[in-house]
Amino acid sequence: MLPFLPDVTVESPRPEPRDAYEVSAEFYDILQADRDRARVHRFYARDVRAARLGVLDVGAGTGRVTFMSLAGSRVAVHAVEPARSMRSLLMTRLAALPADLRGRVTVHPQGLGEAGLRHVADVAICHNTVGCLAPDARRALWPAVADALVPGGVLLVHLPPDRLPHGEATHVLPAQKVGQHLYGGRMVMSADTDRIRTRFEYWVRGARGVLREYTETFWMWPAARAEVIAELAGSGFVALPERADPAVLAVRLGRP
């Protein structure tokens, strides 16, 4: 039996920053999972099948790349996810797996630079992550990825937008039914100096109308493909031939 809540004391080894996904975590899988699952398979499945040592999932979120890697390979998977809300969903999904699959996944609850991974993978994937990093943080990520890969390892980067949007761009998230409730929302992107303001608006409706509404704002930083390639070259990465989908950049670690 679990203890009563008043009897529980939660102590963290150190203060954690505010969780940027505390609202979106509830809505992410139900509103975006199907589209994102298809993209993940299209972008990375071939490389994951070729992995012989391990797959590194940088910014694992709720586990789209992690679960595809478990199904598509027989190697160890390292899922790096510092956001507690997203990591909690990932851990809940992992708990439902058979023990042999779950035994191949290690979840790292901090940024890659803090995880201290060395030569654990020959395939690394940064999906839907790099655009959310400020330029300094983005540039600091590449040496940490190089440390985690073995020489000759491949890094696949889901590129950020290459420019600021003109005006306001709105993308409606297809509504999904869950029991008697309908979940929906939209994403609104606009330029703000050198950044992209990305606002998610979520709602839940029942028979009598709107039950709940939330808004959560994220920031994105644009970067051109050539700029990202130049940054990666400083950590020993060499660009590979362009992929069928220009949203993905593939590079190989060339230095020992």
C-alpha atoms as a PDB file:
ATOM      1  CA  MET A   1       0.000   0.000   0.000  1.00  0.00           C
ATOM      2  CA  LEU A   2       1.261   3.457  -0.850  1.00  0.00           C
ATOM      3  CA  PRO A   3       1.714   5.876   2.052  1.00  0.00           C
ATOM      4  CA  PHE A   4      -0.721   8.726   2.583  1.00  0.00           C
ATOM      5  CA  LEU A   5       0.429  11.919   0.879  1.00  0.00           C
ATOM      6  CA  PRO A   6       0.980  13.857   4.139  1.00  0.00           C
ATOM      7  CA  ASP A   7       3.529  11.190   5.098  1.00  0.00           C
ATOM      8  CA  VAL A   8       5.568  11.625   1.917  1.00  0.00           C
ATOM      9  CA  THR A   9       8.627  13.862   1.733  1.00  0.00           C
ATOM     10  CA  VAL A  10      10.181  14.513  -1.655  1.00  0.00           C
ATOM     11  CA  GLU A  11      13.762  15.695  -1.683  1.00  0.00           C
ATOM     12  CA  SER A  12      15.670  16.551  -4.839  1.00  0.00           C
ATOM     13  CA  PRO A  13      19.476  16.401  -4.796  1.00  0.00           C
ATOM     14  CA  ARG A  14      19.428  19.910  -6.209  1.00  0.00           C
ATOM     15  CA  PRO A  15      16.815  22.436  -7.345  1.00  0.00           C
ATOM     16  CA  GLU A  16      15.369  21.747 -10.800  1.00  0.00           C
ATOM     17  CA  PRO A  17      14.421  24.537 -13.206  1.00  0.00           C
ATOM     18  CA  ARG A  18      10.777  25.189 -13.967  1.00  0.00           C
ATOM     19  CA  ASP A  19       9.439  22.532 -16.303  1.00  0.00           C
ATOM     20  CA  ALA A  20       8.842  24.200 -19.652  1.00  0.00           C
ATOM     21  CA  TYR A  21       6.456  21.407 -20.702  1.00  0.00           C
ATOM     22  CA  GLU A  22       4.219  21.240 -17.640  1.00  0.00           C
ATOM     23  CA  VAL A  23       1.136  22.099 -19.746  1.00  0.00           C
ATOM     24  CA  SER A  24       2.102  20.574 -23.098  1.00  0.00           C
ATOM     25  CA  ALA A  25       2.995  17.177 -21.613  1.00  0.00           C
ATOM     26  CA  GLU A  26      -0.686  16.360 -21.135  1.00  0.00           C
ATOM     27  CA  PHE A  27      -1.560  17.172 -24.739  1.00  0.00           C
ATOM     28  CA  TYR A  28       1.583  16.248 -26.670  1.00  0.00           C
ATOM     29  CA  ASP A  29       0.937  12.573 -27.352  1.00  0.00           C
ATOM     30  CA  ILE A  30      -2.779  12.798 -27.988  1.00  0.00           C
ATOM     31  CA  LEU A  31      -2.528  15.703 -30.435  1.00  0.00           C
ATOM     32  CA  GLN A  32       0.815  15.171 -32.186  1.00  0.00           C
ATOM     33  CA  ALA A  33       1.883  11.542 -31.768  1.00  0.00           C
ATOM     34  CA  ASP A  34       0.569  10.060 -35.023  1.00  0.00           C
ATOM     35  CA  ARG A  35       2.157  12.690 -37.261  1.00  0.00           C
ATOM     36  CA  ASP A  36       5.398  12.659 -35.317  1.00  0.00           C
ATOM     37  CA  ARG A  37       5.614   8.855 -35.313  1.00  0.00           C
ATOM     38  CA  ALA A  38       5.441   8.820 -39.110  1.00  0.00           C
ATOM     39  CA  ARG A  39       8.145  11.481 -39.377  1.00  0.00           C
ATOM     40  CA  VAL A  40      10.445   9.641 -36.968  1.00  0.00           C
ATOM     41  CA  HIS A  41      10.246   6.438 -39.001  1.00  0.00           C
ATOM     42  CA  ARG A  42      10.756   8.279 -42.265  1.00  0.00           C
ATOM     43  CA  PHE A  43      13.710  10.300 -40.975  1.00  0.00           C
ATOM     44  CA  TYR A  44      15.663   7.760 -38.927  1.00  0.00           C
ATOM     45  CA  ALA A  45      14.517   4.139 -39.270  1.00  0.00           C
ATOM     46  CA  ARG A  46      17.194   3.173 -41.806  1.00  0.00           C
ATOM     47  CA  ASP A  47      20.039   4.451 -39.642  1.00  0.00           C
ATOM     48  CA  VAL A  48      18.639   2.844 -36.493  1.00  0.00           C
ATOM     49  CA  ARG A  49      18.509  -0.535 -38.246  1.00  0.00           C
ATOM     50  CA  ALA A  50      22.213  -0.109 -39.063  1.00  0.00           C
ATOM     51  CA  ALA A  51      23.225   0.620 -35.447  1.00  0.00           C
ATOM     52  CA  ARG A  52      25.668  -1.941 -33.996  1.00  0.00           C
ATOM     53  CA  LEU A  53      26.628  -0.385 -30.658  1.00  0.00           C
ATOM     54  CA  GLY A  54      23.904   1.947 -29.415  1.00  0.00           C
ATOM     55  CA  VAL A  55      21.419   4.694 -30.242  1.00  0.00           C
ATOM     56  CA  LEU A  56      21.511   8.054 -28.477  1.00  0.00           C
ATOM     57  CA  ASP A  57      18.185   9.933 -28.340  1.00  0.00           C
ATOM     58  CA  VAL A  58      18.916  13.572 -27.436  1.00  0.00           C
ATOM     59  CA  GLY A  59      15.778  15.292 -26.159  1.00  0.00           C
ATOM     60  CA  ALA A  60      13.758  12.090 -25.951  1.00  0.00           C
ATOM     61  CA  GLY A  61      10.489  13.687 -24.862  1.00  0.00           C
ATOM     62  CA  THR A  62       7.813  11.032 -24.465  1.00  0.00           C
ATOM     63  CA  GLY A  63       9.899   8.526 -26.403  1.00  0.00           C
ATOM     64  CA  ARG A  64       9.026   8.584 -30.082  1.00  0.00           C
ATOM     65  CA  VAL A  65      12.633   7.984 -31.200  1.00  0.00           C
ATOM     66  CA  THR A  66      13.401   5.778 -28.192  1.00  0.00           C
ATOM     67  CA  PHE A  67      10.585   3.326 -28.917  1.00  0.00           C
ATOM     68  CA  MET A  68      11.295   3.268 -32.640  1.00  0.00           C
ATOM     69  CA  SER A  69      14.942   2.485 -31.810  1.00  0.00           C
ATOM     70  CA  LEU A  70      13.957  -0.374 -29.495  1.00  0.00           C
ATOM     71  CA  ALA A  71      11.735  -1.887 -32.161  1.00  0.00           C
ATOM     72  CA  GLY A  72      14.168  -1.327 -35.034  1.00  0.00           C
ATOM     73  CA  SER A  73      17.439  -2.461 -33.468  1.00  0.00           C
ATOM     74  CA  ARG A  74      18.928  -4.814 -30.898  1.00  0.00           C
ATOM     75  CA  VAL A  75      21.333  -2.329 -29.362  1.00  0.00           C
ATOM     76  CA  ALA A  76      21.317  -0.273 -26.179  1.00  0.00           C
ATOM     77  CA  VAL A  77      19.333   2.966 -26.256  1.00  0.00           C
ATOM     78  CA  HIS A  78      20.248   6.069 -24.247  1.00  0.00           C
ATOM     79  CA  ALA A  79      17.323   8.482 -23.836  1.00  0.00           C
ATOM     80  CA  VAL A  80      18.346  11.941 -22.629  1.00  0.00           C
ATOM     81  CA  GLU A  81      15.421  14.016 -21.304  1.00  0.00           C
ATOM     82  CA  PRO A  82      15.859  16.746 -18.670  1.00  0.00           C
ATOM     83  CA  ALA A  83      12.187  17.861 -18.520  1.00  0.00           C
ATOM     84  CA  ARG A  84      10.472  16.015 -15.667  1.00  0.00           C
ATOM     85  CA  SER A  85       6.956  16.102 -17.148  1.00  0.00           C
ATOM     86  CA  MET A  86       8.036  14.571 -20.462  1.00  0.00           C
ATOM     87  CA  ARG A  87      10.377  12.132 -18.730  1.00  0.00           C
ATOM     88  CA  SER A  88       7.556  10.950 -16.474  1.00  0.00           C
ATOM     89  CA  LEU A  89       5.462  10.024 -19.506  1.00  0.00           C
ATOM     90  CA  LEU A  90       8.464   8.271 -21.041  1.00  0.00           C
ATOM     91  CA  MET A  91       9.049   6.239 -17.880  1.00  0.00           C
ATOM     92  CA  THR A  92       5.366   5.287 -17.656  1.00  0.00           C
ATOM     93  CA  ARG A  93       5.462   3.979 -21.215  1.00  0.00           C
ATOM     94  CA  LEU A  94       8.713   2.110 -20.590  1.00  0.00           C
ATOM     95  CA  ALA A  95       7.219   0.463 -17.506  1.00  0.00           C
ATOM     96  CA  ALA A  96       4.655  -1.266 -19.728  1.00  0.00           C
ATOM     97  CA  LEU A  97       7.336  -2.934 -21.873  1.00  0.00           C
ATOM     98  CA  PRO A  98       8.561  -6.499 -21.415  1.00  0.00           C
ATOM     99  CA  ALA A  99      11.634  -6.699 -19.204  1.00  0.00           C
ATOM    100  CA  ASP A 100      13.994  -7.601 -22.049  1.00  0.00           C
ATOM    101  CA  LEU A 101      13.115  -4.458 -24.005  1.00  0.00           C
ATOM    102  CA  ARG A 102      13.078  -2.233 -20.942  1.00  0.00           C
ATOM    103  CA  GLY A 103      16.513  -3.555 -20.025  1.00  0.00           C
ATOM    104  CA  ARG A 104      18.002  -2.003 -23.159  1.00  0.00           C
ATOM    105  CA  VAL A 105      16.987   1.570 -22.292  1.00  0.00           C
ATOM    106  CA  THR A 106      18.785   3.957 -19.975  1.00  0.00           C
ATOM    107  CA  VAL A 107      16.994   7.247 -19.244  1.00  0.00           C
ATOM    108  CA  HIS A 108      19.274  10.177 -18.381  1.00  0.00           C
ATOM    109  CA  PRO A 109      17.425  12.927 -16.448  1.00  0.00           C
ATOM    110  CA  GLN A 110      19.692  15.824 -17.393  1.00  0.00           C
ATOM    111  CA  GLY A 111      21.170  17.542 -20.391  1.00  0.00           C
ATOM    112  CA  LEU A 112      23.622  15.582 -22.511  1.00  0.00           C
ATOM    113  CA  GLY A 113      26.571  17.664 -21.322  1.00  0.00           C
ATOM    114  CA  GLU A 114      25.798  16.706 -17.725  1.00  0.00           C
ATOM    115  CA  ALA A 115      25.172  13.028 -18.484  1.00  0.00           C
ATOM    116  CA  GLY A 116      28.866  12.380 -19.154  1.00  0.00           C
ATOM    117  CA  LEU A 117      28.302   9.747 -21.833  1.00  0.00           C
ATOM    118  CA  ARG A 118      31.418   8.503 -23.632  1.00  0.00           C
ATOM    119  CA  HIS A 119      31.479   6.259 -26.720  1.00  0.00           C
ATOM    120  CA  VAL A 120      28.076   4.676 -26.000  1.00  0.00           C
ATOM    121  CA  ALA A 121      26.506   4.885 -29.466  1.00  0.00           C
ATOM    122  CA  ASP A 122      27.199   4.761 -33.174  1.00  0.00           C
ATOM    123  CA  VAL A 123      23.931   6.545 -34.054  1.00  0.00           C
ATOM    124  CA  ALA A 124      22.733   9.761 -32.406  1.00  0.00           C
ATOM    125  CA  ILE A 125      19.426  11.488 -33.119  1.00  0.00           C
ATOM    126  CA  CYS A 126      18.345  15.023 -32.224  1.00  0.00           C
ATOM    127  CA  HIS A 127      14.679  15.109 -33.201  1.00  0.00           C
ATOM    128  CA  ASN A 128      12.554  18.195 -32.689  1.00  0.00           C
ATOM    129  CA  THR A 129      15.126  19.501 -30.199  1.00  0.00           C
ATOM    130  CA  VAL A 130      17.825  21.711 -31.713  1.00  0.00           C
ATOM    131  CA  GLY A 131      15.445  24.512 -32.685  1.00  0.00           C
ATOM    132  CA  CYS A 132      14.532  24.984 -29.021  1.00  0.00           C
ATOM    133  CA  LEU A 133      18.139  25.699 -28.029  1.00  0.00           C
ATOM    134  CA  ALA A 134      19.579  29.190 -27.926  1.00  0.00           C
ATOM    135  CA  PRO A 135      22.678  29.515 -30.159  1.00  0.00           C
ATOM    136  CA  ASP A 136      25.167  29.143 -27.293  1.00  0.00           C
ATOM    137  CA  ALA A 137      23.385  26.043 -25.983  1.00  0.00           C
ATOM    138  CA  ARG A 138      23.176  24.592 -29.476  1.00  0.00           C
ATOM    139  CA  ARG A 139      26.899  25.042 -30.054  1.00  0.00           C
ATOM    140  CA  ALA A 140      27.651  23.500 -26.656  1.00  0.00           C
ATOM    141  CA  LEU A 141      25.637  20.411 -27.577  1.00  0.00           C
ATOM    142  CA  TRP A 142      27.862  19.277 -30.447  1.00  0.00           C
ATOM    143  CA  PRO A 143      30.999  18.421 -28.402  1.00  0.00           C
ATOM    144  CA  ALA A 144      28.823  16.425 -25.985  1.00  0.00           C
ATOM    145  CA  VAL A 145      27.354  14.441 -28.889  1.00  0.00           C
ATOM    146  CA  ALA A 146      30.866  13.849 -30.258  1.00  0.00           C
ATOM    147  CA  ASP A 147      31.951  12.489 -26.864  1.00  0.00           C
ATOM    148  CA  ALA A 148      28.960  10.134 -26.716  1.00  0.00           C
ATOM    149  CA  LEU A 149      29.570   8.745 -30.224  1.00  0.00           C
ATOM    150  CA  VAL A 150      32.309   6.383 -31.339  1.00  0.00           C
ATOM    151  CA  PRO A 151      34.550   7.518 -34.234  1.00  0.00           C
ATOM    152  CA  GLY A 152      32.629   7.076 -37.472  1.00  0.00           C
ATOM    153  CA  GLY A 153      29.299   7.404 -35.684  1.00  0.00           C
ATOM    154  CA  VAL A 154      26.427   9.153 -37.423  1.00  0.00           C
ATOM    155  CA  LEU A 155      24.450  12.098 -36.055  1.00  0.00           C
ATOM    156  CA  LEU A 156      21.030  12.940 -37.473  1.00  0.00           C
ATOM    157  CA  VAL A 157      19.780  16.447 -36.735  1.00  0.00           C
ATOM    158  CA  HIS A 158      16.209  17.596 -37.241  1.00  0.00           C
ATOM    159  CA  LEU A 159      17.076  21.102 -38.378  1.00  0.00           C
ATOM    160  CA  PRO A 160      15.525  24.219 -36.853  1.00  0.00           C
ATOM    161  CA  PRO A 161      13.671  26.706 -39.072  1.00  0.00           C
ATOM    162  CA  ASP A 162      16.175  28.519 -41.262  1.00  0.00           C
ATOM    163  CA  ARG A 163      14.507  31.929 -40.976  1.00  0.00           C
ATOM    164  CA  LEU A 164      12.052  33.974 -38.984  1.00  0.00           C
ATOM    165  CA  PRO A 165       8.404  33.683 -40.040  1.00  0.00           C
ATOM    166  CA  HIS A 166       6.722  36.527 -41.896  1.00  0.00           C
ATOM    167  CA  GLY A 167       3.721  37.656 -39.922  1.00  0.00           C
ATOM    168  CA  GLU A 168       1.863  35.091 -37.834  1.00  0.00           C
ATOM    169  CA  ALA A 169       1.661  31.442 -38.921  1.00  0.00           C
ATOM    170  CA  THR A 170      -1.019  29.199 -37.408  1.00  0.00           C
ATOM    171  CA  HIS A 171      -1.139  25.410 -37.474  1.00  0.00           C
ATOM    172  CA  VAL A 172      -4.288  23.712 -36.187  1.00  0.00           C
ATOM    173  CA  LEU A 173      -3.722  20.464 -34.270  1.00  0.00           C
ATOM    174  CA  PRO A 174      -6.356  17.900 -35.340  1.00  0.00           C
ATOM    175  CA  ALA A 175      -8.863  17.343 -32.532  1.00  0.00           C
ATOM    176  CA  GLN A 176      -8.930  13.905 -30.881  1.00  0.00           C
ATOM    177  CA  LYS A 177     -11.765  12.204 -28.990  1.00  0.00           C
ATOM    178  CA  VAL A 178     -11.011  10.618 -25.614  1.00  0.00           C
ATOM    179  CA  GLY A 179     -14.164   9.141 -24.133  1.00  0.00           C
ATOM    180  CA  GLN A 180     -16.721  11.942 -23.814  1.00  0.00           C
ATOM    181  CA  HIS A 181     -14.151  14.704 -24.200  1.00  0.00           C
ATOM    182  CA  LEU A 182     -12.621  16.297 -27.284  1.00  0.00           C
ATOM    183  CA  TYR A 183      -9.008  17.528 -27.121  1.00  0.00           C
ATOM    184  CA  GLY A 184      -7.673  20.098 -29.544  1.00  0.00           C
ATOM    185  CA  GLY A 185      -5.433  23.087 -30.002  1.00  0.00           C
ATOM    186  CA  ARG A 186      -3.303  25.142 -32.315  1.00  0.00           C
ATOM    187  CA  MET A 187       0.283  26.355 -32.670  1.00  0.00           C
ATOM    188  CA  VAL A 188       0.932  30.008 -33.480  1.00  0.00           C
ATOM    189  CA  MET A 189       4.407  31.121 -34.584  1.00  0.00           C
ATOM    190  CA  SER A 190       5.617  34.700 -34.922  1.00  0.00           C
ATOM    191  CA  ALA A 191       8.931  36.570 -35.048  1.00  0.00           C
ATOM    192  CA  ASP A 192      10.283  38.350 -31.983  1.00  0.00           C
ATOM    193  CA  THR A 193      13.613  40.080 -32.715  1.00  0.00           C
ATOM    194  CA  ASP A 194      15.964  37.144 -33.469  1.00  0.00           C
ATOM    195  CA  ARG A 195      13.716  34.442 -32.015  1.00  0.00           C
ATOM    196  CA  ILE A 196      10.505  32.661 -32.943  1.00  0.00           C
ATOM    197  CA  ARG A 197       7.707  32.846 -30.424  1.00  0.00           C
ATOM    198  CA  THR A 198       5.822  29.551 -30.539  1.00  0.00           C
ATOM    199  CA  ARG A 199       2.522  29.651 -28.649  1.00  0.00           C
ATOM    200  CA  PHE A 200       0.477  26.514 -28.076  1.00  0.00           C
ATOM    201  CA  GLU A 201      -3.192  26.953 -27.238  1.00  0.00           C
ATOM    202  CA  TYR A 202      -4.983  23.855 -25.946  1.00  0.00           C
ATOM    203  CA  TRP A 203      -8.605  23.164 -25.098  1.00  0.00           C
ATOM    204  CA  VAL A 204     -10.774  20.328 -23.816  1.00  0.00           C
ATOM    205  CA  ARG A 205     -14.482  20.276 -24.665  1.00  0.00           C
ATOM    206  CA  GLY A 206     -17.364  18.262 -23.314  1.00  0.00           C
ATOM    207  CA  ALA A 207     -21.090  18.088 -24.012  1.00  0.00           C
ATOM    208  CA  ARG A 208     -21.624  21.513 -22.401  1.00  0.00           C
ATOM    209  CA  GLY A 209     -18.776  23.312 -24.105  1.00  0.00           C
ATOM    210  CA  VAL A 210     -15.205  24.197 -23.158  1.00  0.00           C
ATOM    211  CA  LEU A 211     -14.061  22.505 -19.946  1.00  0.00           C
ATOM    212  CA  ARG A 212     -10.441  23.677 -19.851  1.00  0.00           C
ATOM    213  CA  GLU A 213      -8.140  25.998 -21.784  1.00  0.00           C
ATOM    214  CA  TYR A 214      -4.369  26.448 -21.521  1.00  0.00           C
ATOM    215  CA  THR A 215      -1.629  28.420 -23.232  1.00  0.00           C
ATOM    216  CA  GLU A 216       2.095  27.655 -23.183  1.00  0.00           C
ATOM    217  CA  THR A 217       4.830  29.587 -24.992  1.00  0.00           C
ATOM    218  CA  PHE A 218       8.180  28.300 -26.236  1.00  0.00           C
ATOM    219  CA  TRP A 219      11.058  30.039 -27.975  1.00  0.00           C
ATOM    220  CA  MET A 220      12.874  28.812 -31.053  1.00  0.00           C
ATOM    221  CA  TRP A 221      16.050  30.081 -32.699  1.00  0.00           C
ATOM    222  CA  PRO A 222      16.422  29.806 -36.503  1.00  0.00           C
ATOM    223  CA  ALA A 223      19.651  28.546 -38.042  1.00  0.00           C
ATOM    224  CA  ALA A 224      20.548  27.849 -41.663  1.00  0.00           C
ATOM    225  CA  ARG A 225      21.803  24.394 -42.670  1.00  0.00           C
ATOM    226  CA  ALA A 226      25.230  25.802 -43.595  1.00  0.00           C
ATOM    227  CA  GLU A 227      25.509  27.443 -40.174  1.00  0.00           C
ATOM    228  CA  VAL A 228      24.758  24.168 -38.374  1.00  0.00           C
ATOM    229  CA  ILE A 229      27.234  22.269 -40.562  1.00  0.00           C
ATOM    230  CA  ALA A 230      29.949  24.821 -39.738  1.00  0.00           C
ATOM    231  CA  GLU A 231      29.249  24.477 -36.014  1.00  0.00           C
ATOM    232  CA  LEU A 232      29.396  20.687 -36.214  1.00  0.00           C
ATOM    233  CA  ALA A 233      32.678  20.786 -38.126  1.00  0.00           C
ATOM    234  CA  GLY A 234      34.266  22.350 -35.061  1.00  0.00           C
ATOM    235  CA  SER A 235      33.527  19.131 -33.158  1.00  0.00           C
ATOM    236  CA  GLY A 236      34.863  16.847 -35.877  1.00  0.00           C
ATOM    237  CA  PHE A 237      31.673  16.146 -37.842  1.00  0.00           C
ATOM    238  CA  VAL A 238      31.630  15.897 -41.630  1.00  0.00           C
ATOM    239  CA  ALA A 239      28.414  16.370 -43.616  1.00  0.00           C
ATOM    240  CA  LEU A 240      27.023  13.323 -45.407  1.00  0.00           C
ATOM    241  CA  PRO A 241      25.066  13.463 -48.687  1.00  0.00           C
ATOM    242  CA  GLU A 242      21.791  15.320 -48.330  1.00  0.00           C
ATOM    243  CA  ARG A 243      18.810  13.199 -47.339  1.00  0.00           C
ATOM    244  CA  ALA A 244      15.544  12.916 -49.248  1.00  0.00           C
ATOM    245  CA  ASP A 245      13.915  15.189 -46.691  1.00  0.00           C
ATOM    246  CA  PRO A 246      15.854  18.463 -46.296  1.00  0.00           C
ATOM    247  CA  ALA A 247      14.546  18.798 -42.723  1.00  0.00           C
ATOM    248  CA  VAL A 248      17.208  16.279 -41.640  1.00  0.00           C
ATOM    249  CA  LEU A 249      20.966  16.860 -41.636  1.00  0.00           C
ATOM    250  CA  ALA A 250      23.207  13.773 -41.487  1.00  0.00           C
ATOM    251  CA  VAL A 251      26.851  14.084 -40.379  1.00  0.00           C
ATOM    252  CA  ARG A 252      29.571  11.606 -39.469  1.00  0.00           C
ATOM    253  CA  LEU A 253      32.115  11.936 -36.689  1.00  0.00           C
ATOM    254  CA  GLY A 254      35.449  12.020 -38.429  1.00  0.00           C
ATOM    255  CA  ARG A 255      37.908  12.580 -35.606  1.00  0.00           C
ATOM    256  CA  PRO A 256      39.255   9.891 -33.227  1.00  0.00           C
END
